[in-house]
Amino acid sequence: MKCPVCDAELAGSPNYCGACGHSLNAAPAPQDDANEPRLPSGFSRTLSTDLVAKQIELRTHAKLAALVDSRIYKPGEIIIRQGEASRDLLFLTSGVVEISRSGADGEVVLNEIEPPYILGDVAFLFGMPRTATARAKTEVKVFLVRYDELKDMLKELPPWVHPLLTALASDMKSLHHKSQTLEKRVSEIEAQAKPKT
């Protein structure tokens, strides 16, 4: 097969000419007129909307591959430790995770979670230290999103996305604060309800 624009020999059935970028699925290219200037090699490839979209898609896939990591934790392994400064976000895809918090009365188990679940969202959004410990109760699989990599990608988003994310993050922070306040109040009520010896 030959490219109708640059006469390059092409193997197989490609959609684009590897030499000049001409779309081989488009209507046949008009014959060159001796008086008309010929486009430089690769110029039509630059203008090809399909090819540009494909290049953007490939770049996005490459960035996402650097952004996301898959991890497996054995039973008993700590996934997130209370108080640490990491801002990475974890998506629980399989297994059971135990959430606990250390306090004056020692470590208290707050919850057991199963997929689908997001871990570390508060630290991810606000840069606060981890508020609880997450420990694998069974074998656990997660996708880890690296904060530093995502921060760089967010710079490329349209300007209207940032206020939206800020508003969502603010709502989440408010809910987190309310849950902490309620947790303290429940602890106070439980302490008052305990029989005195």
N, C-alpha and C. Protein backbone atom coordinates (compact mmCIF):
# COMPACT_ATOMS: atom_id res chain seq x y z
N MET A 1 0.85 -1.18 0.00
CA MET A 1 0.00 0.00 0.00
C MET A 1 0.89 1.24 0.00
N LYS A 2 0.48 2.25 -0.78
CA LYS A 2 1.23 3.50 -0.86
C LYS A 2 0.38 4.65 -0.35
N CYS A 3 1.04 5.60 0.30
CA CYS A 3 0.34 6.81 0.74
C CYS A 3 0.03 7.65 -0.49
N PRO A 4 -1.23 8.11 -0.67
CA PRO A 4 -1.58 8.90 -1.84
C PRO A 4 -0.98 10.32 -1.83
N VAL A 5 -0.46 10.75 -0.68
CA VAL A 5 0.10 12.10 -0.59
C VAL A 5 1.60 12.11 -0.82
N CYS A 6 2.33 11.24 -0.09
CA CYS A 6 3.80 11.29 -0.18
C CYS A 6 4.41 10.08 -0.86
N ASP A 7 3.57 9.11 -1.29
CA ASP A 7 4.02 7.89 -1.99
C ASP A 7 4.89 6.98 -1.13
N ALA A 8 4.83 7.12 0.21
CA ALA A 8 5.61 6.24 1.09
C ALA A 8 4.99 4.85 1.08
N GLU A 9 5.83 3.82 1.10
CA GLU A 9 5.36 2.43 1.16
C GLU A 9 4.90 2.14 2.58
N LEU A 10 3.69 1.60 2.75
CA LEU A 10 3.11 1.33 4.07
C LEU A 10 2.80 -0.14 4.19
N ALA A 11 3.13 -0.71 5.36
CA ALA A 11 2.85 -2.13 5.62
C ALA A 11 1.51 -2.27 6.32
N GLY A 12 0.79 -3.35 6.05
CA GLY A 12 -0.47 -3.62 6.72
C GLY A 12 -1.57 -2.67 6.25
N SER A 13 -2.49 -2.38 7.17
CA SER A 13 -3.61 -1.47 6.87
C SER A 13 -3.67 -0.34 7.89
N PRO A 14 -2.69 0.57 7.87
CA PRO A 14 -2.68 1.65 8.87
C PRO A 14 -3.77 2.68 8.60
N ASN A 15 -4.14 3.40 9.64
CA ASN A 15 -5.11 4.50 9.50
C ASN A 15 -4.44 5.79 9.06
N TYR A 16 -3.14 5.93 9.38
CA TYR A 16 -2.40 7.14 9.04
C TYR A 16 -1.07 6.76 8.41
N CYS A 17 -0.59 7.62 7.53
CA CYS A 17 0.74 7.41 6.94
C CYS A 17 1.79 7.75 8.00
N GLY A 18 2.74 6.84 8.19
CA GLY A 18 3.80 7.06 9.17
C GLY A 18 4.78 8.14 8.75
N ALA A 19 4.85 8.45 7.45
CA ALA A 19 5.79 9.45 6.96
C ALA A 19 5.23 10.87 7.02
N CYS A 20 3.98 11.04 6.55
CA CYS A 20 3.44 12.41 6.48
C CYS A 20 2.22 12.63 7.38
N GLY A 21 1.63 11.55 7.93
CA GLY A 21 0.50 11.69 8.84
C GLY A 21 -0.84 11.79 8.16
N HIS A 22 -0.90 11.62 6.85
CA HIS A 22 -2.17 11.71 6.13
C HIS A 22 -3.12 10.61 6.59
N SER A 23 -4.39 10.97 6.80
CA SER A 23 -5.42 10.01 7.18
C SER A 23 -5.75 9.16 5.97
N LEU A 24 -5.53 7.85 6.07
CA LEU A 24 -5.78 6.96 4.94
C LEU A 24 -7.25 6.57 4.85
N ASN A 25 -8.03 6.94 5.87
CA ASN A 25 -9.47 6.65 5.85
C ASN A 25 -10.25 7.78 5.23
N ALA A 26 -9.60 8.91 5.00
CA ALA A 26 -10.27 10.08 4.43
C ALA A 26 -10.40 9.91 2.92
N ALA A 27 -11.09 10.85 2.31
CA ALA A 27 -11.23 10.84 0.85
C ALA A 27 -9.85 10.96 0.22
N PRO A 28 -9.65 10.42 -0.97
CA PRO A 28 -8.33 10.49 -1.61
C PRO A 28 -7.84 11.93 -1.73
N ALA A 29 -6.55 12.09 -1.51
CA ALA A 29 -5.96 13.43 -1.60
C ALA A 29 -5.95 13.90 -3.04
N PRO A 30 -6.20 15.20 -3.23
CA PRO A 30 -6.17 15.72 -4.59
C PRO A 30 -4.76 15.63 -5.16
N GLN A 31 -4.68 15.50 -6.49
CA GLN A 31 -3.38 15.41 -7.16
C GLN A 31 -2.65 16.75 -7.00
N ASP A 32 -1.36 16.65 -6.84
CA ASP A 32 -0.54 17.86 -6.69
C ASP A 32 -0.57 18.67 -7.97
N ASP A 33 -0.74 19.94 -7.83
CA ASP A 33 -0.64 20.87 -8.96
C ASP A 33 0.75 21.49 -8.86
N ALA A 34 1.41 21.59 -9.97
CA ALA A 34 2.78 22.09 -9.97
C ALA A 34 2.87 23.50 -9.41
N ASN A 35 1.79 24.30 -9.51
CA ASN A 35 1.82 25.68 -9.05
C ASN A 35 1.48 25.83 -7.56
N GLU A 36 0.89 24.77 -6.94
CA GLU A 36 0.49 24.85 -5.53
C GLU A 36 1.63 24.38 -4.64
N PRO A 37 1.87 25.08 -3.53
CA PRO A 37 2.95 24.64 -2.62
C PRO A 37 2.56 23.35 -1.92
N ARG A 38 3.53 22.48 -1.72
CA ARG A 38 3.29 21.20 -1.05
C ARG A 38 3.54 21.37 0.45
N LEU A 39 2.65 20.80 1.29
CA LEU A 39 2.82 20.89 2.75
C LEU A 39 4.06 20.12 3.17
N PRO A 40 4.78 20.63 4.14
CA PRO A 40 5.95 19.90 4.63
C PRO A 40 5.52 18.57 5.24
N SER A 41 6.42 17.59 5.18
CA SER A 41 6.14 16.26 5.74
C SER A 41 5.78 16.40 7.21
N GLY A 42 4.69 15.74 7.63
CA GLY A 42 4.27 15.76 9.02
C GLY A 42 3.31 16.88 9.36
N PHE A 43 3.09 17.85 8.44
CA PHE A 43 2.23 18.99 8.73
C PHE A 43 0.78 18.55 8.91
N SER A 44 0.30 17.66 8.02
CA SER A 44 -1.08 17.22 8.13
C SER A 44 -1.29 16.38 9.39
N ARG A 45 -0.23 15.70 9.82
CA ARG A 45 -0.32 14.91 11.05
C ARG A 45 -0.59 15.84 12.24
N THR A 46 0.07 16.99 12.27
CA THR A 46 -0.11 17.94 13.35
C THR A 46 -1.55 18.44 13.39
N LEU A 47 -2.15 18.62 12.21
CA LEU A 47 -3.50 19.15 12.13
C LEU A 47 -4.57 18.08 12.33
N SER A 48 -4.21 16.83 12.33
CA SER A 48 -5.19 15.75 12.44
C SER A 48 -5.80 15.72 13.83
N THR A 49 -7.10 16.02 13.93
CA THR A 49 -7.79 16.05 15.22
C THR A 49 -7.75 14.68 15.88
N ASP A 50 -7.98 13.63 15.10
CA ASP A 50 -7.97 12.28 15.66
C ASP A 50 -6.62 11.94 16.27
N LEU A 51 -5.56 12.27 15.55
CA LEU A 51 -4.23 11.93 16.03
C LEU A 51 -3.86 12.74 17.26
N VAL A 52 -4.21 14.02 17.26
CA VAL A 52 -3.93 14.88 18.43
C VAL A 52 -4.67 14.33 19.64
N ALA A 53 -5.95 13.97 19.45
CA ALA A 53 -6.75 13.41 20.56
C ALA A 53 -6.11 12.13 21.08
N LYS A 54 -5.62 11.29 20.17
CA LYS A 54 -4.98 10.03 20.57
C LYS A 54 -3.70 10.31 21.35
N GLN A 55 -2.93 11.31 20.91
CA GLN A 55 -1.69 11.66 21.62
C GLN A 55 -2.00 12.16 23.03
N ILE A 56 -3.04 12.98 23.16
CA ILE A 56 -3.44 13.47 24.48
C ILE A 56 -3.86 12.31 25.36
N GLU A 57 -4.63 11.38 24.78
CA GLU A 57 -5.08 10.20 25.53
C GLU A 57 -3.90 9.37 26.01
N LEU A 58 -2.91 9.16 25.14
CA LEU A 58 -1.73 8.38 25.52
C LEU A 58 -0.93 9.08 26.61
N ARG A 59 -0.79 10.41 26.51
CA ARG A 59 -0.10 11.15 27.56
C ARG A 59 -0.83 11.05 28.89
N THR A 60 -2.18 11.12 28.84
CA THR A 60 -2.98 11.01 30.06
C THR A 60 -2.81 9.63 30.68
N HIS A 61 -2.81 8.58 29.84
CA HIS A 61 -2.61 7.21 30.36
C HIS A 61 -1.24 7.08 31.02
N ALA A 62 -0.22 7.68 30.40
CA ALA A 62 1.12 7.61 30.97
C ALA A 62 1.17 8.32 32.32
N LYS A 63 0.50 9.49 32.41
CA LYS A 63 0.47 10.22 33.69
C LYS A 63 -0.29 9.42 34.74
N LEU A 64 -1.41 8.81 34.35
CA LEU A 64 -2.20 8.02 35.31
C LEU A 64 -1.41 6.81 35.78
N ALA A 65 -0.64 6.20 34.89
CA ALA A 65 0.18 5.05 35.28
C ALA A 65 1.19 5.45 36.35
N ALA A 66 1.75 6.65 36.24
CA ALA A 66 2.70 7.14 37.25
C ALA A 66 1.97 7.54 38.53
N LEU A 67 0.72 7.90 38.39
CA LEU A 67 -0.07 8.41 39.51
C LEU A 67 -0.59 7.30 40.42
N VAL A 68 -0.98 6.17 39.85
CA VAL A 68 -1.66 5.11 40.59
C VAL A 68 -0.75 3.90 40.75
N ASP A 69 -0.77 3.34 41.94
CA ASP A 69 0.04 2.15 42.25
C ASP A 69 -0.87 1.12 42.91
N SER A 70 -0.67 -0.13 42.62
CA SER A 70 -1.46 -1.20 43.22
C SER A 70 -0.66 -1.81 44.37
N ARG A 71 -1.32 -2.03 45.51
CA ARG A 71 -0.65 -2.59 46.69
C ARG A 71 -1.47 -3.72 47.29
N ILE A 72 -0.79 -4.68 47.90
CA ILE A 72 -1.44 -5.78 48.62
C ILE A 72 -0.87 -5.80 50.03
N TYR A 73 -1.78 -5.89 51.02
CA TYR A 73 -1.38 -5.95 52.44
C TYR A 73 -1.83 -7.27 53.02
N LYS A 74 -0.97 -7.87 53.83
CA LYS A 74 -1.30 -9.13 54.51
C LYS A 74 -2.09 -8.83 55.79
N PRO A 75 -2.84 -9.82 56.31
CA PRO A 75 -3.58 -9.60 57.55
C PRO A 75 -2.66 -9.11 58.67
N GLY A 76 -3.11 -8.05 59.37
CA GLY A 76 -2.33 -7.47 60.46
C GLY A 76 -1.43 -6.32 60.05
N GLU A 77 -1.16 -6.17 58.76
CA GLU A 77 -0.30 -5.08 58.29
C GLU A 77 -1.02 -3.74 58.39
N ILE A 78 -0.26 -2.72 58.78
CA ILE A 78 -0.83 -1.37 58.88
C ILE A 78 -0.77 -0.72 57.50
N ILE A 79 -1.91 -0.20 57.07
CA ILE A 79 -2.02 0.47 55.78
C ILE A 79 -1.80 1.96 55.96
N ILE A 80 -2.46 2.52 56.96
CA ILE A 80 -2.31 3.94 57.34
C ILE A 80 -2.12 3.99 58.85
N ARG A 81 -1.16 4.80 59.30
CA ARG A 81 -0.90 4.93 60.74
C ARG A 81 -1.37 6.29 61.23
N GLN A 82 -2.13 6.29 62.32
CA GLN A 82 -2.63 7.53 62.92
C GLN A 82 -1.46 8.47 63.20
N GLY A 83 -1.62 9.74 62.79
CA GLY A 83 -0.61 10.76 63.07
C GLY A 83 0.42 10.96 61.98
N GLU A 84 0.56 10.01 61.04
CA GLU A 84 1.58 10.20 59.99
C GLU A 84 1.15 11.29 59.02
N ALA A 85 2.13 11.84 58.30
CA ALA A 85 1.88 13.02 57.47
C ALA A 85 1.59 12.71 56.01
N SER A 86 1.56 11.47 55.60
CA SER A 86 1.33 11.12 54.20
C SER A 86 -0.02 11.63 53.70
N ARG A 87 -0.07 12.10 52.44
CA ARG A 87 -1.32 12.61 51.86
C ARG A 87 -1.83 11.71 50.74
N ASP A 88 -1.24 10.53 50.58
CA ASP A 88 -1.68 9.62 49.52
C ASP A 88 -3.09 9.11 49.81
N LEU A 89 -3.83 8.86 48.74
CA LEU A 89 -5.22 8.42 48.82
C LEU A 89 -5.28 6.95 48.42
N LEU A 90 -6.07 6.15 49.14
CA LEU A 90 -6.16 4.73 48.84
C LEU A 90 -7.59 4.33 48.52
N PHE A 91 -7.76 3.53 47.46
CA PHE A 91 -9.05 2.99 47.08
C PHE A 91 -9.05 1.50 47.40
N LEU A 92 -9.86 1.11 48.38
CA LEU A 92 -9.95 -0.29 48.78
C LEU A 92 -10.72 -1.07 47.73
N THR A 93 -10.10 -2.10 47.16
CA THR A 93 -10.76 -2.89 46.12
C THR A 93 -11.13 -4.29 46.57
N SER A 94 -10.41 -4.84 47.58
CA SER A 94 -10.80 -6.14 48.13
C SER A 94 -10.23 -6.30 49.53
N GLY A 95 -10.94 -7.11 50.34
CA GLY A 95 -10.50 -7.37 51.71
C GLY A 95 -11.27 -6.55 52.73
N VAL A 96 -10.92 -6.77 54.00
CA VAL A 96 -11.56 -6.07 55.12
C VAL A 96 -10.48 -5.29 55.87
N VAL A 97 -10.80 -4.02 56.15
CA VAL A 97 -9.85 -3.14 56.86
C VAL A 97 -10.48 -2.71 58.17
N GLU A 98 -9.67 -2.77 59.24
CA GLU A 98 -10.11 -2.33 60.57
C GLU A 98 -9.60 -0.91 60.81
N ILE A 99 -10.51 -0.03 61.19
CA ILE A 99 -10.16 1.37 61.48
C ILE A 99 -10.16 1.55 62.99
N SER A 100 -9.06 2.07 63.52
CA SER A 100 -8.96 2.28 64.97
C SER A 100 -8.31 3.62 65.25
N ARG A 101 -8.49 4.07 66.49
CA ARG A 101 -7.90 5.35 66.92
C ARG A 101 -7.35 5.16 68.33
N SER A 102 -6.16 5.70 68.53
CA SER A 102 -5.54 5.66 69.85
C SER A 102 -5.94 6.90 70.62
N GLY A 103 -6.23 6.72 71.91
CA GLY A 103 -6.60 7.84 72.77
C GLY A 103 -6.18 7.56 74.19
N ALA A 104 -6.78 8.27 75.12
CA ALA A 104 -6.45 8.12 76.54
C ALA A 104 -6.76 6.72 77.05
N ASP A 105 -7.80 6.09 76.50
CA ASP A 105 -8.20 4.75 76.93
C ASP A 105 -7.55 3.65 76.10
N GLY A 106 -6.50 3.98 75.36
CA GLY A 106 -5.84 3.00 74.51
C GLY A 106 -6.42 3.01 73.11
N GLU A 107 -6.19 1.92 72.38
CA GLU A 107 -6.67 1.85 71.00
C GLU A 107 -8.10 1.35 70.96
N VAL A 108 -8.95 2.07 70.25
CA VAL A 108 -10.37 1.72 70.14
C VAL A 108 -10.69 1.45 68.68
N VAL A 109 -11.29 0.29 68.39
CA VAL A 109 -11.70 -0.04 67.03
C VAL A 109 -12.98 0.72 66.73
N LEU A 110 -12.95 1.52 65.67
CA LEU A 110 -14.09 2.35 65.31
C LEU A 110 -15.00 1.68 64.29
N ASN A 111 -14.38 0.93 63.37
CA ASN A 111 -15.17 0.40 62.27
C ASN A 111 -14.39 -0.68 61.53
N GLU A 112 -15.11 -1.50 60.77
CA GLU A 112 -14.52 -2.41 59.80
C GLU A 112 -15.11 -2.05 58.46
N ILE A 113 -14.27 -1.86 57.47
CA ILE A 113 -14.77 -1.44 56.17
C ILE A 113 -14.44 -2.46 55.09
N GLU A 114 -15.30 -2.48 54.08
CA GLU A 114 -15.13 -3.36 52.93
C GLU A 114 -15.23 -2.52 51.67
N PRO A 115 -14.75 -3.06 50.55
CA PRO A 115 -14.80 -2.28 49.30
C PRO A 115 -16.23 -2.16 48.78
N PRO A 116 -16.47 -1.14 47.98
CA PRO A 116 -15.54 -0.07 47.60
C PRO A 116 -15.48 0.99 48.69
N TYR A 117 -14.29 1.47 48.98
CA TYR A 117 -14.13 2.46 50.05
C TYR A 117 -12.87 3.27 49.78
N ILE A 118 -12.90 4.55 50.15
CA ILE A 118 -11.74 5.44 50.00
C ILE A 118 -11.14 5.68 51.37
N LEU A 119 -9.85 5.47 51.49
CA LEU A 119 -9.11 5.68 52.74
C LEU A 119 -8.20 6.89 52.61
N GLY A 120 -8.12 7.70 53.66
CA GLY A 120 -7.17 8.80 53.69
C GLY A 120 -7.63 10.06 53.01
N ASP A 121 -8.95 10.23 52.85
CA ASP A 121 -9.45 11.40 52.13
C ASP A 121 -9.23 12.71 52.89
N VAL A 122 -9.32 12.69 54.21
CA VAL A 122 -9.15 13.92 54.99
C VAL A 122 -7.71 14.42 54.87
N ALA A 123 -6.74 13.53 55.07
CA ALA A 123 -5.33 13.93 54.94
C ALA A 123 -5.02 14.34 53.52
N PHE A 124 -5.61 13.66 52.55
CA PHE A 124 -5.39 13.97 51.14
C PHE A 124 -5.86 15.38 50.80
N LEU A 125 -7.04 15.74 51.26
CA LEU A 125 -7.63 17.03 50.91
C LEU A 125 -7.03 18.20 51.69
N PHE A 126 -6.73 17.99 52.98
CA PHE A 126 -6.37 19.12 53.83
C PHE A 126 -4.94 19.10 54.34
N GLY A 127 -4.19 18.03 54.10
CA GLY A 127 -2.82 17.97 54.57
C GLY A 127 -2.71 17.75 56.07
N MET A 128 -3.83 17.36 56.70
CA MET A 128 -3.80 17.08 58.14
C MET A 128 -3.13 15.73 58.37
N PRO A 129 -2.56 15.51 59.56
CA PRO A 129 -2.04 14.17 59.87
C PRO A 129 -3.17 13.14 59.83
N ARG A 130 -2.82 11.90 59.59
CA ARG A 130 -3.82 10.83 59.54
C ARG A 130 -4.60 10.79 60.84
N THR A 131 -5.93 10.72 60.74
CA THR A 131 -6.79 10.80 61.93
C THR A 131 -7.04 9.45 62.58
N ALA A 132 -6.71 8.35 61.89
CA ALA A 132 -6.94 7.01 62.44
C ALA A 132 -5.95 6.04 61.81
N THR A 133 -5.89 4.85 62.40
CA THR A 133 -5.05 3.78 61.86
C THR A 133 -5.93 2.81 61.08
N ALA A 134 -5.46 2.42 59.91
CA ALA A 134 -6.16 1.41 59.10
C ALA A 134 -5.26 0.19 59.03
N ARG A 135 -5.79 -0.96 59.48
CA ARG A 135 -5.02 -2.21 59.52
C ARG A 135 -5.76 -3.28 58.72
N ALA A 136 -5.03 -4.05 57.93
CA ALA A 136 -5.64 -5.12 57.15
C ALA A 136 -6.12 -6.23 58.08
N LYS A 137 -7.40 -6.56 58.01
CA LYS A 137 -7.94 -7.66 58.81
C LYS A 137 -7.84 -8.97 58.02
N THR A 138 -7.99 -8.87 56.71
CA THR A 138 -7.78 -9.99 55.80
C THR A 138 -6.74 -9.51 54.78
N GLU A 139 -6.45 -10.31 53.77
CA GLU A 139 -5.59 -9.80 52.70
C GLU A 139 -6.35 -8.66 52.03
N VAL A 140 -5.66 -7.55 51.83
CA VAL A 140 -6.30 -6.34 51.32
C VAL A 140 -5.58 -5.88 50.06
N LYS A 141 -6.38 -5.47 49.07
CA LYS A 141 -5.82 -4.88 47.84
C LYS A 141 -6.32 -3.46 47.72
N VAL A 142 -5.40 -2.55 47.42
CA VAL A 142 -5.77 -1.14 47.25
C VAL A 142 -5.08 -0.57 46.02
N PHE A 143 -5.68 0.50 45.48
CA PHE A 143 -5.01 1.36 44.51
C PHE A 143 -4.62 2.61 45.27
N LEU A 144 -3.35 2.96 45.18
CA LEU A 144 -2.82 4.12 45.89
C LEU A 144 -2.61 5.25 44.90
N VAL A 145 -3.19 6.42 45.19
CA VAL A 145 -3.02 7.61 44.36
C VAL A 145 -2.03 8.52 45.06
N ARG A 146 -0.91 8.77 44.41
CA ARG A 146 0.13 9.60 45.01
C ARG A 146 -0.26 11.08 44.94
N TYR A 147 -0.30 11.73 46.08
CA TYR A 147 -0.73 13.13 46.16
C TYR A 147 0.13 14.05 45.31
N ASP A 148 1.46 13.90 45.41
CA ASP A 148 2.37 14.80 44.69
C ASP A 148 2.16 14.73 43.19
N GLU A 149 1.93 13.51 42.67
CA GLU A 149 1.69 13.36 41.24
C GLU A 149 0.36 13.97 40.83
N LEU A 150 -0.67 13.76 41.65
CA LEU A 150 -2.00 14.28 41.33
C LEU A 150 -2.01 15.80 41.38
N LYS A 151 -1.27 16.37 42.33
CA LYS A 151 -1.19 17.83 42.47
C LYS A 151 -0.69 18.45 41.17
N ASP A 152 0.29 17.82 40.54
CA ASP A 152 0.82 18.33 39.27
C ASP A 152 -0.23 18.22 38.16
N MET A 153 -1.00 17.13 38.15
CA MET A 153 -2.03 16.95 37.13
C MET A 153 -3.17 17.96 37.29
N LEU A 154 -3.49 18.31 38.55
CA LEU A 154 -4.60 19.23 38.81
C LEU A 154 -4.32 20.63 38.26
N LYS A 155 -3.05 20.97 38.09
CA LYS A 155 -2.70 22.27 37.53
C LYS A 155 -3.20 22.42 36.10
N GLU A 156 -3.41 21.27 35.41
CA GLU A 156 -3.82 21.31 34.01
C GLU A 156 -5.34 21.37 33.85
N LEU A 157 -6.10 21.30 34.95
CA LEU A 157 -7.56 21.33 34.86
C LEU A 157 -8.06 22.73 34.56
N PRO A 158 -9.27 22.84 34.00
CA PRO A 158 -9.85 24.18 33.76
C PRO A 158 -10.00 24.94 35.07
N PRO A 159 -9.96 26.27 35.02
CA PRO A 159 -9.99 27.09 36.24
C PRO A 159 -11.24 26.88 37.11
N TRP A 160 -12.38 26.54 36.53
CA TRP A 160 -13.61 26.38 37.30
C TRP A 160 -13.60 25.14 38.18
N VAL A 161 -12.69 24.17 37.90
CA VAL A 161 -12.66 22.93 38.69
C VAL A 161 -12.14 23.18 40.10
N HIS A 162 -11.17 24.07 40.24
CA HIS A 162 -10.54 24.31 41.55
C HIS A 162 -11.53 24.83 42.59
N PRO A 163 -12.37 25.83 42.29
CA PRO A 163 -13.36 26.26 43.30
C PRO A 163 -14.35 25.14 43.66
N LEU A 164 -14.69 24.32 42.67
CA LEU A 164 -15.60 23.20 42.94
C LEU A 164 -14.96 22.21 43.91
N LEU A 165 -13.70 21.85 43.66
CA LEU A 165 -12.99 20.92 44.56
C LEU A 165 -12.82 21.53 45.95
N THR A 166 -12.54 22.83 46.00
CA THR A 166 -12.38 23.51 47.30
C THR A 166 -13.68 23.45 48.09
N ALA A 167 -14.81 23.70 47.41
CA ALA A 167 -16.12 23.65 48.08
C ALA A 167 -16.42 22.24 48.60
N LEU A 168 -16.14 21.23 47.79
CA LEU A 168 -16.37 19.85 48.22
C LEU A 168 -15.47 19.50 49.41
N ALA A 169 -14.21 19.93 49.33
CA ALA A 169 -13.27 19.66 50.42
C ALA A 169 -13.71 20.35 51.69
N SER A 170 -14.22 21.58 51.58
CA SER A 170 -14.69 22.32 52.74
C SER A 170 -15.87 21.60 53.40
N ASP A 171 -16.79 21.10 52.59
CA ASP A 171 -17.92 20.34 53.13
C ASP A 171 -17.45 19.09 53.86
N MET A 172 -16.46 18.41 53.27
CA MET A 172 -15.94 17.20 53.91
C MET A 172 -15.25 17.53 55.23
N LYS A 173 -14.51 18.63 55.26
CA LYS A 173 -13.82 19.04 56.48
C LYS A 173 -14.83 19.36 57.57
N SER A 174 -15.92 20.01 57.19
CA SER A 174 -16.98 20.34 58.14
C SER A 174 -17.61 19.06 58.72
N LEU A 175 -17.88 18.10 57.86
CA LEU A 175 -18.44 16.82 58.31
C LEU A 175 -17.47 16.09 59.23
N HIS A 176 -16.18 16.14 58.88
CA HIS A 176 -15.17 15.49 59.72
C HIS A 176 -15.13 16.14 61.10
N HIS A 177 -15.18 17.48 61.14
CA HIS A 177 -15.17 18.19 62.42
C HIS A 177 -16.39 17.81 63.26
N LYS A 178 -17.57 17.76 62.61
CA LYS A 178 -18.80 17.39 63.32
C LYS A 178 -18.72 15.97 63.87
N SER A 179 -18.14 15.06 63.08
CA SER A 179 -18.02 13.68 63.56
C SER A 179 -17.07 13.58 64.76
N GLN A 180 -15.99 14.37 64.75
CA GLN A 180 -15.07 14.38 65.90
C GLN A 180 -15.77 14.93 67.14
N THR A 181 -16.54 16.00 66.96
CA THR A 181 -17.29 16.60 68.07
C THR A 181 -18.28 15.59 68.65
N LEU A 182 -19.00 14.90 67.78
CA LEU A 182 -19.96 13.89 68.24
C LEU A 182 -19.26 12.73 68.93
N GLU A 183 -18.10 12.34 68.41
CA GLU A 183 -17.35 11.24 69.02
C GLU A 183 -16.92 11.61 70.45
N LYS A 184 -16.47 12.86 70.63
CA LYS A 184 -16.08 13.31 71.98
C LYS A 184 -17.28 13.33 72.91
N ARG A 185 -18.41 13.79 72.39
CA ARG A 185 -19.63 13.86 73.21
C ARG A 185 -20.08 12.47 73.62
N VAL A 186 -20.02 11.50 72.71
CA VAL A 186 -20.39 10.11 73.03
C VAL A 186 -19.46 9.57 74.11
N SER A 187 -18.16 9.85 74.00
CA SER A 187 -17.19 9.38 75.01
C SER A 187 -17.51 9.98 76.39
N GLU A 188 -17.90 11.27 76.41
CA GLU A 188 -18.26 11.91 77.68
C GLU A 188 -19.50 11.26 78.29
N ILE A 189 -20.49 10.99 77.44
CA ILE A 189 -21.73 10.36 77.94
C ILE A 189 -21.44 8.96 78.44
N GLU A 190 -20.60 8.20 77.72
CA GLU A 190 -20.25 6.85 78.18
C GLU A 190 -19.51 6.89 79.50
N ALA A 191 -18.61 7.88 79.65
CA ALA A 191 -17.85 8.01 80.90
C ALA A 191 -18.78 8.35 82.06
N GLN A 192 -19.79 9.18 81.82
CA GLN A 192 -20.75 9.54 82.87
C GLN A 192 -21.65 8.35 83.22
N ALA A 193 -21.93 7.50 82.26
CA ALA A 193 -22.83 6.38 82.47
C ALA A 193 -22.16 5.21 83.20
N LYS A 194 -20.81 5.18 83.22
CA LYS A 194 -20.11 4.09 83.90
C LYS A 194 -20.36 4.17 85.40
N PRO A 195 -20.64 3.01 86.00
CA PRO A 195 -20.85 3.02 87.46
C PRO A 195 -19.55 3.38 88.17
N LYS A 196 -19.67 4.20 89.20
CA LYS A 196 -18.50 4.62 89.98
C LYS A 196 -18.24 3.60 91.04
N THR A 197 -16.98 3.26 91.22
CA THR A 197 -16.62 2.29 92.27
C THR A 197 -15.84 2.92 93.38
